[in-house]
């Protein structure tokens, strides 16, 4: 009887031990793969952000320097020409869309007018709907010839008095609101950055 119970224990523990070994090896391989791919992924994200920044800044931009913005989740960059004169600002911000975070780069002139908007990461949005927020038909609406306190989709206009209205992408109101929120946040960050530099 004792031999029978030892065999039963062995039969139970043998697959458990094998499964434990497989899980340990798999976890180690996944951790190694994550470590190996982390830097290339980060570099690709930096390159995408840089390309987006150059797309929203004036062509005479010679250099950009990151500005320190306390208590802000956004990144602000000051663009200068060859003479070192400030010609614009670029603000990278993100907000929750329908499927996840949407990242937006907003170019703002020294007069506070939005120059251009580039949605550089909306990969979690629904293809054919929220993903259309990166298309020029939508983003060009933000380039207005006046400084405004912010932006909102047309159906939210009564709630956000004084904001510039934009037409949402059909079927993607949540994603459109997220982009409008990012651009509004960028305008706020621009104001904070320029006020701090004036002091």
C-alpha atoms as a PDB file:
ATOM      1  CA  UNK A   1       0.000   0.000   0.000  1.00  0.00           C
ATOM      2  CA  UNK A   2       2.866   2.339   0.807  1.00  0.00           C
ATOM      3  CA  UNK A   3       4.350   1.869  -2.683  1.00  0.00           C
ATOM      4  CA  UNK A   4       0.987   2.700  -4.200  1.00  0.00           C
ATOM      5  CA  UNK A   5       0.717   5.976  -2.285  1.00  0.00           C
ATOM      6  CA  UNK A   6       4.319   6.908  -3.217  1.00  0.00           C
ATOM      7  CA  UNK A   7       3.467   6.356  -6.878  1.00  0.00           C
ATOM      8  CA  UNK A   8       0.344   8.486  -6.507  1.00  0.00           C
ATOM      9  CA  UNK A   9       2.359  11.309  -4.995  1.00  0.00           C
ATOM     10  CA  UNK A  10       4.966  10.970  -7.745  1.00  0.00           C
ATOM     11  CA  UNK A  11       2.251  11.035 -10.424  1.00  0.00           C
ATOM     12  CA  UNK A  12       0.820  14.235  -8.970  1.00  0.00           C
ATOM     13  CA  UNK A  13       4.114  15.990  -8.276  1.00  0.00           C
ATOM     14  CA  UNK A  14       5.816  15.076 -11.540  1.00  0.00           C
ATOM     15  CA  UNK A  15       3.502  17.138 -13.802  1.00  0.00           C
ATOM     16  CA  UNK A  16       3.449  19.969 -11.264  1.00  0.00           C
ATOM     17  CA  UNK A  17       7.260  20.087 -11.242  1.00  0.00           C
ATOM     18  CA  UNK A  18       7.376  19.988 -15.061  1.00  0.00           C
ATOM     19  CA  UNK A  19       4.811  22.780 -15.278  1.00  0.00           C
ATOM     20  CA  UNK A  20       6.757  24.837 -12.751  1.00  0.00           C
ATOM     21  CA  UNK A  21       9.947  24.423 -14.808  1.00  0.00           C
ATOM     22  CA  UNK A  22       8.183  25.397 -18.051  1.00  0.00           C
ATOM     23  CA  UNK A  23       6.649  28.472 -16.391  1.00  0.00           C
ATOM     24  CA  UNK A  24       9.987  29.548 -14.911  1.00  0.00           C
ATOM     25  CA  UNK A  25      11.798  29.216 -18.247  1.00  0.00           C
ATOM     26  CA  UNK A  26       8.964  31.018 -20.078  1.00  0.00           C
ATOM     27  CA  UNK A  27       8.978  33.887 -17.578  1.00  0.00           C
ATOM     28  CA  UNK A  28      12.754  34.234 -17.896  1.00  0.00           C
ATOM     29  CA  UNK A  29      12.525  34.285 -21.713  1.00  0.00           C
ATOM     30  CA  UNK A  30       9.740  36.892 -21.663  1.00  0.00           C
ATOM     31  CA  UNK A  31      11.693  39.080 -19.230  1.00  0.00           C
ATOM     32  CA  UNK A  32      14.770  38.809 -21.447  1.00  0.00           C
ATOM     33  CA  UNK A  33      12.784  39.644 -24.585  1.00  0.00           C
ATOM     34  CA  UNK A  34      11.223  42.635 -22.837  1.00  0.00           C
ATOM     35  CA  UNK A  35      14.644  43.899 -21.774  1.00  0.00           C
ATOM     36  CA  UNK A  36      16.102  43.411 -25.262  1.00  0.00           C
ATOM     37  CA  UNK A  37      13.232  45.228 -27.017  1.00  0.00           C
ATOM     38  CA  UNK A  38      12.724  48.033 -24.467  1.00  0.00           C
ATOM     39  CA  UNK A  39      15.399  50.386 -25.809  1.00  0.00           C
ATOM     40  CA  UNK A  40      14.528  49.954 -29.522  1.00  0.00           C
ATOM     41  CA  UNK A  41      10.861  50.608 -28.698  1.00  0.00           C
ATOM     42  CA  UNK A  42      11.746  53.713 -26.657  1.00  0.00           C
ATOM     43  CA  UNK A  43      13.974  54.968 -29.479  1.00  0.00           C
ATOM     44  CA  UNK A  44      11.201  54.442 -32.037  1.00  0.00           C
ATOM     45  CA  UNK A  45       8.805  56.390 -29.796  1.00  0.00           C
ATOM     46  CA  UNK A  46      11.341  59.236 -29.452  1.00  0.00           C
ATOM     47  CA  UNK A  47      11.784  59.358 -33.237  1.00  0.00           C
ATOM     48  CA  UNK A  48       8.011  59.443 -33.771  1.00  0.00           C
ATOM     49  CA  UNK A  49       7.683  62.257 -31.240  1.00  0.00           C
ATOM     50  CA  UNK A  50      10.544  64.198 -32.861  1.00  0.00           C
ATOM     51  CA  UNK A  51       9.030  63.829 -36.338  1.00  0.00           C
ATOM     52  CA  UNK A  52       5.704  64.991 -34.958  1.00  0.00           C
ATOM     53  CA  UNK A  53       7.381  67.979 -33.315  1.00  0.00           C
ATOM     54  CA  UNK A  54       9.057  69.033 -36.541  1.00  0.00           C
ATOM     55  CA  UNK A  55       5.708  68.710 -38.352  1.00  0.00           C
ATOM     56  CA  UNK A  56       4.035  71.293 -36.092  1.00  0.00           C
ATOM     57  CA  UNK A  57       6.875  73.826 -35.881  1.00  0.00           C
ATOM     58  CA  UNK A  58       7.811  76.496 -38.442  1.00  0.00           C
ATOM     59  CA  UNK A  59      10.313  75.391 -41.129  1.00  0.00           C
ATOM     60  CA  UNK A  60      12.892  77.922 -39.897  1.00  0.00           C
ATOM     61  CA  UNK A  61      13.265  75.991 -36.626  1.00  0.00           C
ATOM     62  CA  UNK A  62      16.967  75.388 -36.034  1.00  0.00           C
ATOM     63  CA  UNK A  63      16.832  73.824 -32.570  1.00  0.00           C
ATOM     64  CA  UNK A  64      14.477  72.882 -29.730  1.00  0.00           C
ATOM     65  CA  UNK A  65      15.088  72.841 -26.025  1.00  0.00           C
ATOM     66  CA  UNK A  66      12.938  71.119 -23.430  1.00  0.00           C
ATOM     67  CA  UNK A  67      11.459  73.479 -20.883  1.00  0.00           C
ATOM     68  CA  UNK A  68      10.796  72.666 -17.257  1.00  0.00           C
ATOM     69  CA  UNK A  69       7.090  72.788 -16.486  1.00  0.00           C
ATOM     70  CA  UNK A  70       6.348  72.021 -12.835  1.00  0.00           C
ATOM     71  CA  UNK A  71       3.350  69.816 -12.024  1.00  0.00           C
ATOM     72  CA  UNK A  72       2.607  69.003 -15.638  1.00  0.00           C
ATOM     73  CA  UNK A  73       2.232  65.698 -17.404  1.00  0.00           C
ATOM     74  CA  UNK A  74       2.922  67.449 -20.717  1.00  0.00           C
ATOM     75  CA  UNK A  75       6.331  68.160 -22.241  1.00  0.00           C
ATOM     76  CA  UNK A  76       7.022  71.625 -23.604  1.00  0.00           C
ATOM     77  CA  UNK A  77       9.777  72.499 -26.086  1.00  0.00           C
ATOM     78  CA  UNK A  78      10.921  75.970 -27.121  1.00  0.00           C
ATOM     79  CA  UNK A  79      11.826  76.266 -30.808  1.00  0.00           C
ATOM     80  CA  UNK A  80      14.466  78.783 -31.877  1.00  0.00           C
ATOM     81  CA  UNK A  81      15.762  79.985 -35.221  1.00  0.00           C
ATOM     82  CA  UNK A  82      19.440  80.157 -36.255  1.00  0.00           C
ATOM     83  CA  UNK A  83      19.873  83.427 -34.330  1.00  0.00           C
ATOM     84  CA  UNK A  84      18.563  81.842 -31.120  1.00  0.00           C
ATOM     85  CA  UNK A  85      15.303  83.788 -31.221  1.00  0.00           C
ATOM     86  CA  UNK A  86      12.217  81.961 -29.906  1.00  0.00           C
ATOM     87  CA  UNK A  87       9.837  81.391 -32.802  1.00  0.00           C
ATOM     88  CA  UNK A  88       7.362  78.822 -31.445  1.00  0.00           C
ATOM     89  CA  UNK A  89       6.619  76.166 -28.872  1.00  0.00           C
ATOM     90  CA  UNK A  90       5.732  72.487 -29.203  1.00  0.00           C
ATOM     91  CA  UNK A  91       3.764  70.751 -26.474  1.00  0.00           C
ATOM     92  CA  UNK A  92       3.346  66.986 -26.237  1.00  0.00           C
ATOM     93  CA  UNK A  93       0.318  65.866 -24.224  1.00  0.00           C
ATOM     94  CA  UNK A  94      -1.965  62.854 -23.967  1.00  0.00           C
ATOM     95  CA  UNK A  95      -5.507  62.058 -22.900  1.00  0.00           C
ATOM     96  CA  UNK A  96      -7.743  59.026 -22.663  1.00  0.00           C
ATOM     97  CA  UNK A  97      -9.567  58.207 -25.873  1.00  0.00           C
ATOM     98  CA  UNK A  98     -12.064  55.475 -26.625  1.00  0.00           C
ATOM     99  CA  UNK A  99      -9.548  52.631 -26.693  1.00  0.00           C
ATOM    100  CA  UNK A 100      -6.651  54.037 -24.661  1.00  0.00           C
ATOM    101  CA  UNK A 101      -4.251  56.992 -24.542  1.00  0.00           C
ATOM    102  CA  UNK A 102      -3.982  59.392 -27.479  1.00  0.00           C
ATOM    103  CA  UNK A 103      -0.743  61.406 -27.783  1.00  0.00           C
ATOM    104  CA  UNK A 104      -0.774  64.774 -29.514  1.00  0.00           C
ATOM    105  CA  UNK A 105       1.923  67.297 -30.447  1.00  0.00           C
ATOM    106  CA  UNK A 106       0.691  70.892 -30.662  1.00  0.00           C
ATOM    107  CA  UNK A 107       2.681  73.702 -32.263  1.00  0.00           C
ATOM    108  CA  UNK A 108       1.962  77.129 -30.794  1.00  0.00           C
ATOM    109  CA  UNK A 109       3.290  80.449 -32.071  1.00  0.00           C
ATOM    110  CA  UNK A 110       4.758  83.114 -29.815  1.00  0.00           C
ATOM    111  CA  UNK A 111       1.438  84.965 -30.137  1.00  0.00           C
ATOM    112  CA  UNK A 112      -0.453  82.025 -28.586  1.00  0.00           C
ATOM    113  CA  UNK A 113      -2.094  80.858 -31.825  1.00  0.00           C
ATOM    114  CA  UNK A 114      -2.119  77.142 -32.538  1.00  0.00           C
ATOM    115  CA  UNK A 115       0.020  76.584 -35.638  1.00  0.00           C
ATOM    116  CA  UNK A 116      -0.565  72.893 -36.221  1.00  0.00           C
ATOM    117  CA  UNK A 117      -1.565  69.673 -34.494  1.00  0.00           C
ATOM    118  CA  UNK A 118      -0.151  66.198 -35.028  1.00  0.00           C
ATOM    119  CA  UNK A 119      -1.713  63.111 -33.456  1.00  0.00           C
ATOM    120  CA  UNK A 120       1.331  60.874 -33.211  1.00  0.00           C
ATOM    121  CA  UNK A 121      -0.113  57.955 -31.263  1.00  0.00           C
ATOM    122  CA  UNK A 122      -3.702  56.833 -31.518  1.00  0.00           C
ATOM    123  CA  UNK A 123      -2.897  53.186 -32.154  1.00  0.00           C
ATOM    124  CA  UNK A 124      -5.409  51.954 -29.575  1.00  0.00           C
ATOM    125  CA  UNK A 125      -8.332  53.719 -31.253  1.00  0.00           C
ATOM    126  CA  UNK A 126     -10.828  51.953 -33.491  1.00  0.00           C
ATOM    127  CA  UNK A 127      -9.490  51.676 -37.068  1.00  0.00           C
ATOM    128  CA  UNK A 128     -11.625  53.704 -39.464  1.00  0.00           C
ATOM    129  CA  UNK A 129     -13.159  55.746 -36.639  1.00  0.00           C
ATOM    130  CA  UNK A 130     -11.006  57.086 -33.790  1.00  0.00           C
ATOM    131  CA  UNK A 131      -7.861  56.454 -35.821  1.00  0.00           C
ATOM    132  CA  UNK A 132      -9.097  59.158 -38.215  1.00  0.00           C
ATOM    133  CA  UNK A 133      -8.241  61.789 -35.594  1.00  0.00           C
ATOM    134  CA  UNK A 134      -4.709  61.838 -37.034  1.00  0.00           C
ATOM    135  CA  UNK A 135      -5.902  62.829 -40.519  1.00  0.00           C
ATOM    136  CA  UNK A 136      -5.431  66.429 -41.755  1.00  0.00           C
ATOM    137  CA  UNK A 137      -9.184  66.853 -42.331  1.00  0.00           C
ATOM    138  CA  UNK A 138      -9.569  66.725 -38.553  1.00  0.00           C
ATOM    139  CA  UNK A 139      -6.308  68.179 -37.204  1.00  0.00           C
ATOM    140  CA  UNK A 140      -6.344  71.235 -39.505  1.00  0.00           C
ATOM    141  CA  UNK A 141      -9.386  72.556 -37.617  1.00  0.00           C
ATOM    142  CA  UNK A 142      -7.157  73.486 -34.673  1.00  0.00           C
ATOM    143  CA  UNK A 143      -4.993  75.940 -36.639  1.00  0.00           C
ATOM    144  CA  UNK A 144      -6.956  79.128 -36.005  1.00  0.00           C
ATOM    145  CA  UNK A 145      -5.643  82.645 -36.531  1.00  0.00           C
ATOM    146  CA  UNK A 146      -6.317  83.771 -32.977  1.00  0.00           C
ATOM    147  CA  UNK A 147      -5.305  82.827 -29.479  1.00  0.00           C
ATOM    148  CA  UNK A 148      -8.117  80.882 -27.799  1.00  0.00           C
ATOM    149  CA  UNK A 149      -8.476  79.454 -24.287  1.00  0.00           C
ATOM    150  CA  UNK A 150      -9.171  75.971 -25.622  1.00  0.00           C
ATOM    151  CA  UNK A 151     -11.027  73.687 -27.989  1.00  0.00           C
ATOM    152  CA  UNK A 152     -14.102  71.479 -27.791  1.00  0.00           C
ATOM    153  CA  UNK A 153     -16.202  69.420 -30.150  1.00  0.00           C
ATOM    154  CA  UNK A 154     -19.239  71.258 -31.523  1.00  0.00           C
ATOM    155  CA  UNK A 155     -21.801  69.330 -29.454  1.00  0.00           C
ATOM    156  CA  UNK A 156     -19.988  70.430 -26.250  1.00  0.00           C
ATOM    157  CA  UNK A 157     -19.933  74.137 -27.192  1.00  0.00           C
ATOM    158  CA  UNK A 158     -22.642  75.350 -24.780  1.00  0.00           C
ATOM    159  CA  UNK A 159     -20.733  73.792 -21.881  1.00  0.00           C
ATOM    160  CA  UNK A 160     -17.357  75.313 -22.866  1.00  0.00           C
ATOM    161  CA  UNK A 161     -18.215  78.930 -23.524  1.00  0.00           C
ATOM    162  CA  UNK A 162     -15.386  80.782 -25.229  1.00  0.00           C
ATOM    163  CA  UNK A 163     -13.699  77.672 -26.584  1.00  0.00           C
ATOM    164  CA  UNK A 164     -13.119  77.262 -30.316  1.00  0.00           C
ATOM    165  CA  UNK A 165     -15.319  74.491 -31.677  1.00  0.00           C
ATOM    166  CA  UNK A 166     -14.201  71.674 -33.949  1.00  0.00           C
ATOM    167  CA  UNK A 167     -16.245  69.071 -35.785  1.00  0.00           C
ATOM    168  CA  UNK A 168     -15.756  65.607 -34.320  1.00  0.00           C
ATOM    169  CA  UNK A 169     -14.814  62.699 -36.530  1.00  0.00           C
ATOM    170  CA  UNK A 170     -18.096  60.951 -37.359  1.00  0.00           C
ATOM    171  CA  UNK A 171     -18.573  58.013 -35.000  1.00  0.00           C
ATOM    172  CA  UNK A 172     -15.536  58.983 -32.911  1.00  0.00           C
ATOM    173  CA  UNK A 173     -16.713  61.721 -30.551  1.00  0.00           C
ATOM    174  CA  UNK A 174     -14.763  60.355 -27.572  1.00  0.00           C
ATOM    175  CA  UNK A 175     -11.507  60.231 -29.549  1.00  0.00           C
ATOM    176  CA  UNK A 176     -12.183  63.719 -30.948  1.00  0.00           C
ATOM    177  CA  UNK A 177     -12.803  65.038 -27.427  1.00  0.00           C
ATOM    178  CA  UNK A 178      -9.510  63.494 -26.303  1.00  0.00           C
ATOM    179  CA  UNK A 179      -7.582  65.320 -29.037  1.00  0.00           C
ATOM    180  CA  UNK A 180      -9.391  68.585 -28.216  1.00  0.00           C
ATOM    181  CA  UNK A 181      -8.499  68.047 -24.562  1.00  0.00           C
ATOM    182  CA  UNK A 182      -4.823  67.520 -25.477  1.00  0.00           C
ATOM    183  CA  UNK A 183      -4.717  70.717 -27.533  1.00  0.00           C
ATOM    184  CA  UNK A 184      -6.474  72.673 -24.760  1.00  0.00           C
ATOM    185  CA  UNK A 185      -3.949  71.321 -22.258  1.00  0.00           C
ATOM    186  CA  UNK A 186      -1.137  72.322 -24.627  1.00  0.00           C
ATOM    187  CA  UNK A 187      -2.471  75.908 -24.726  1.00  0.00           C
ATOM    188  CA  UNK A 188      -2.514  75.954 -20.899  1.00  0.00           C
ATOM    189  CA  UNK A 189       1.043  74.580 -20.730  1.00  0.00           C
ATOM    190  CA  UNK A 190       2.191  77.184 -23.293  1.00  0.00           C
ATOM    191  CA  UNK A 191       0.708  79.961 -21.126  1.00  0.00           C
ATOM    192  CA  UNK A 192       2.379  78.571 -18.016  1.00  0.00           C
ATOM    193  CA  UNK A 193       5.740  78.219 -19.786  1.00  0.00           C
ATOM    194  CA  UNK A 194       5.714  81.735 -21.225  1.00  0.00           C
ATOM    195  CA  UNK A 195       4.534  83.305 -17.966  1.00  0.00           C
ATOM    196  CA  UNK A 196       7.341  81.618 -16.032  1.00  0.00           C
ATOM    197  CA  UNK A 197       9.928  82.779 -18.581  1.00  0.00           C
ATOM    198  CA  UNK A 198       8.638  86.364 -18.377  1.00  0.00           C
ATOM    199  CA  UNK A 199       9.203  86.482 -14.618  1.00  0.00           C
END
